[in-house]
Amino acid sequence: KMTLREADFALEDVMSGAMQMVSAAAQEKGLELILDADHLPQHARGDATRLSQALINLLANAVKFTDVGWVRLKGSVSSDDGRRVELRFDVQDTGPGIDAARMAQLFLPFEQADTSASRRQGGTGLGLALTRHLARMMGGEAGASSTPGQGSVFWIRVVLKHPERASERAAPLSLAGRRALIVDDLPEALAAEAE
């Protein structure tokens, strides 16, 4: 019975808000959170609440099942026809990874990749089914890839419109040719900041 509501919104605000929702749990475990929104338009038109819900589901799972390392949320443009823009959001973690035999069932309701870990961590597996449903409602899809022992990448693609207000279509201020010093001890964070 879910419906989508359309409004102009700032993409980075939605992404940073989703990161904020999991920041306490990540900090408790000593995980570094990385946000990479540099490859996205500043604004889009669509349902910011549903997009946020999908991102929070993916981030919460990544933080829940990652004990050491980091979780990164990256947004990128898959295609843009001038009216609609297809965006992809990747949530990558340094968790235990998931066996290939379980990957196909991950987005089914009440399925869990590791029942022993799920019992230990709590949760029903409904979050991934809901995330896929939300992505499909927004004209996209959801999926995942993983290598046991090397972490996982959960992603969603969504189709949004360009904002209606002309002022929000303006290109961001270019910093090309300017100098900046970026210091970080995590290569993944440096890559997100430097791009």
Protein backbone atom coordinates (compact mmCIF):
# COMPACT_ATOMS: atom_id res chain seq x y z
CA LYS A 1 0.00 0.00 0.00
CA MET A 2 3.01 2.30 -0.10
CA THR A 3 2.86 5.33 -2.36
CA LEU A 4 5.58 7.69 -3.51
CA ARG A 5 5.51 11.42 -2.88
CA GLU A 6 7.33 13.72 -5.24
CA ALA A 7 9.27 16.80 -4.16
CA ASP A 8 12.62 18.43 -4.86
CA PHE A 9 15.34 17.50 -2.37
CA ALA A 10 19.08 17.67 -1.81
CA LEU A 11 20.69 14.29 -2.44
CA GLU A 12 23.62 14.83 -0.09
CA ASP A 13 21.21 15.73 2.73
CA VAL A 14 19.41 12.41 2.30
CA MET A 15 22.68 10.47 2.23
CA SER A 16 24.22 12.25 5.21
CA GLY A 17 20.95 11.88 7.14
CA ALA A 18 20.98 8.13 6.52
CA MET A 19 24.60 7.96 7.71
CA GLN A 20 23.65 9.91 10.83
CA MET A 21 21.00 7.30 11.66
CA VAL A 22 23.66 4.57 11.97
CA SER A 23 26.52 6.69 13.32
CA ALA A 24 25.99 5.82 17.00
CA ALA A 25 26.01 2.07 16.29
CA ALA A 26 29.10 2.45 14.08
CA GLN A 27 30.91 4.54 16.70
CA GLU A 28 30.11 1.97 19.37
CA LYS A 29 31.88 -0.68 17.28
CA GLY A 30 34.75 1.58 16.24
CA LEU A 31 33.75 1.53 12.55
CA GLU A 32 34.59 4.40 10.23
CA LEU A 33 31.72 5.72 8.09
CA ILE A 34 32.59 7.11 4.66
CA LEU A 35 30.22 9.23 2.57
CA ASP A 36 30.97 9.72 -1.13
CA ALA A 37 28.34 11.95 -2.76
CA ASP A 38 30.65 13.93 -5.05
CA HIS A 39 29.49 12.16 -8.22
CA LEU A 40 25.82 13.12 -7.82
CA PRO A 41 23.79 16.14 -8.86
CA GLN A 42 23.03 18.44 -5.94
CA HIS A 43 19.26 18.08 -6.20
CA ALA A 44 16.68 15.69 -7.61
CA ARG A 45 12.91 15.25 -7.56
CA GLY A 46 11.35 12.14 -6.05
CA ASP A 47 10.50 10.61 -2.69
CA ALA A 48 13.33 11.52 -0.33
CA THR A 49 11.72 9.63 2.56
CA ARG A 50 11.54 6.31 0.70
CA LEU A 51 15.08 6.72 -0.65
CA SER A 52 16.30 7.48 2.86
CA GLN A 53 14.49 4.41 4.21
CA ALA A 54 16.19 2.16 1.66
CA LEU A 55 19.64 3.61 2.39
CA ILE A 56 19.15 3.30 6.16
CA ASN A 57 18.17 -0.38 5.73
CA LEU A 58 21.38 -1.11 3.79
CA LEU A 59 23.59 0.91 6.13
CA ALA A 60 22.09 -0.62 9.27
CA ASN A 61 22.75 -4.14 7.95
CA ALA A 62 26.32 -3.23 7.01
CA VAL A 63 27.03 -1.78 10.45
CA LYS A 64 25.28 -4.68 12.21
CA PHE A 65 27.37 -7.38 10.52
CA THR A 66 30.72 -5.53 10.35
CA ASP A 67 32.89 -5.83 13.43
CA VAL A 68 36.10 -4.19 12.20
CA GLY A 69 36.92 -1.63 9.52
CA TRP A 70 34.56 0.65 7.67
CA VAL A 71 31.25 1.12 5.87
CA ARG A 72 31.04 3.36 2.81
CA LEU A 73 27.98 4.89 1.13
CA LYS A 74 28.70 5.99 -2.44
CA GLY A 75 26.32 7.57 -4.93
CA SER A 76 26.86 7.74 -8.68
CA VAL A 77 24.95 8.58 -11.87
CA SER A 78 24.17 5.57 -14.08
CA SER A 79 22.36 7.52 -16.81
CA ASP A 80 20.78 10.92 -17.43
CA ASP A 81 18.47 11.78 -20.34
CA GLY A 82 17.95 15.39 -19.30
CA ARG A 83 14.57 14.73 -17.69
CA ARG A 84 15.24 11.68 -15.55
CA VAL A 85 18.41 10.56 -13.88
CA GLU A 86 19.19 6.99 -12.81
CA LEU A 87 21.29 6.89 -9.66
CA ARG A 88 23.11 4.02 -8.01
CA PHE A 89 23.90 3.88 -4.31
CA ASP A 90 26.46 1.35 -3.06
CA VAL A 91 26.91 0.39 0.59
CA GLN A 92 30.25 -1.39 0.92
CA ASP A 93 31.56 -2.94 4.13
CA THR A 94 34.55 -4.83 5.48
CA GLY A 95 32.35 -7.45 7.14
CA PRO A 96 32.62 -11.25 6.91
CA GLY A 97 31.08 -11.50 3.44
CA ILE A 98 28.34 -13.86 2.31
CA ASP A 99 28.59 -17.27 0.68
CA ALA A 100 27.50 -17.37 -2.98
CA ALA A 101 24.89 -20.04 -2.28
CA ARG A 102 23.02 -17.63 0.00
CA MET A 103 23.24 -14.51 -2.17
CA ALA A 104 20.25 -15.31 -4.41
CA GLN A 105 17.92 -15.62 -1.41
CA LEU A 106 18.99 -12.47 0.43
CA PHE A 107 16.22 -10.20 -0.84
CA LEU A 108 13.40 -12.67 -0.14
CA PRO A 109 11.26 -11.87 2.92
CA PHE A 110 12.59 -13.37 6.14
CA GLU A 111 15.74 -14.78 4.55
CA GLN A 112 19.07 -14.30 6.30
CA ALA A 113 22.53 -14.96 5.04
CA ASP A 114 23.88 -16.37 8.27
CA THR A 115 21.27 -17.60 10.69
CA SER A 116 23.76 -17.95 13.56
CA ALA A 117 24.94 -14.36 13.10
CA SER A 118 21.35 -13.23 12.62
CA ARG A 119 20.31 -14.84 15.88
CA ARG A 120 23.26 -13.17 17.57
CA GLN A 121 22.57 -9.78 15.98
CA GLY A 122 18.76 -9.91 15.81
CA GLY A 123 16.58 -9.07 12.80
CA THR A 124 14.25 -10.94 10.48
CA GLY A 125 15.69 -10.31 7.03
CA LEU A 126 12.65 -8.22 6.07
CA GLY A 127 14.79 -5.10 5.58
CA LEU A 128 16.34 -6.30 2.32
CA ALA A 129 12.99 -7.36 0.85
CA LEU A 130 11.59 -3.93 1.71
CA THR A 131 14.65 -2.24 0.24
CA ARG A 132 14.20 -4.08 -3.06
CA HIS A 133 10.49 -3.20 -3.07
CA LEU A 134 11.29 0.49 -2.52
CA ALA A 135 13.92 0.47 -5.28
CA ARG A 136 11.47 -1.13 -7.71
CA MET A 137 8.79 1.42 -6.77
CA MET A 138 11.31 4.10 -7.78
CA GLY A 139 11.91 2.46 -11.17
CA GLY A 140 15.08 0.66 -10.18
CA GLU A 141 16.40 -2.50 -8.56
CA ALA A 142 18.46 -3.75 -5.62
CA GLY A 143 21.20 -6.32 -5.42
CA ALA A 144 24.42 -7.39 -3.77
CA SER A 145 27.82 -8.92 -4.36
CA SER A 146 30.11 -10.43 -1.79
CA THR A 147 33.29 -12.37 -1.23
CA PRO A 148 33.52 -14.36 2.01
CA GLY A 149 36.23 -12.88 4.19
CA GLN A 150 36.40 -9.66 2.14
CA GLY A 151 33.11 -7.88 2.78
CA SER A 152 30.02 -7.09 0.75
CA VAL A 153 28.50 -4.44 -1.50
CA PHE A 154 24.73 -3.92 -1.33
CA TRP A 155 23.31 -1.54 -3.92
CA ILE A 156 20.14 0.08 -5.14
CA ARG A 157 19.35 1.85 -8.39
CA VAL A 158 16.56 4.42 -8.51
CA VAL A 159 15.17 6.69 -11.21
CA LEU A 160 14.52 10.28 -10.15
CA LYS A 161 13.55 13.42 -12.01
CA HIS A 162 15.52 16.59 -12.30
CA PRO A 163 14.30 19.27 -9.88
CA GLU A 164 11.52 21.56 -11.07
CA ARG A 165 13.08 24.74 -9.71
CA ALA A 166 15.61 26.06 -12.19
CA SER A 167 17.86 27.38 -9.39
CA GLU A 168 18.42 23.83 -8.15
CA ARG A 169 19.63 22.74 -11.59
CA ALA A 170 22.58 25.13 -11.42
CA ALA A 171 25.97 23.47 -11.59
CA PRO A 172 27.93 23.37 -8.34
CA LEU A 173 30.80 25.79 -7.86
CA SER A 174 33.85 24.31 -9.53
CA LEU A 175 36.95 23.87 -7.42
CA ALA A 176 39.06 22.75 -10.39
CA GLY A 177 42.55 24.17 -10.25
CA ARG A 178 42.36 24.96 -6.53
CA ARG A 179 44.67 23.38 -4.00
CA ALA A 180 43.55 21.42 -0.96
CA LEU A 181 45.23 19.30 1.70
CA ILE A 182 43.39 16.10 2.58
CA VAL A 183 44.63 13.98 5.47
CA ASP A 184 43.13 10.64 6.45
CA ASP A 185 44.55 7.32 7.62
CA LEU A 186 42.05 5.22 5.65
CA PRO A 187 42.72 4.84 1.89
CA GLU A 188 38.98 4.37 1.12
CA ALA A 189 38.16 7.67 2.86
CA LEU A 190 40.98 9.46 1.02
CA ALA A 191 39.69 8.14 -2.31
CA ALA A 192 36.18 9.42 -1.57
CA GLU A 193 37.50 12.84 -0.54
CA ALA A 194 39.96 13.21 -3.42
CA GLU A 195 37.64 12.32 -6.30
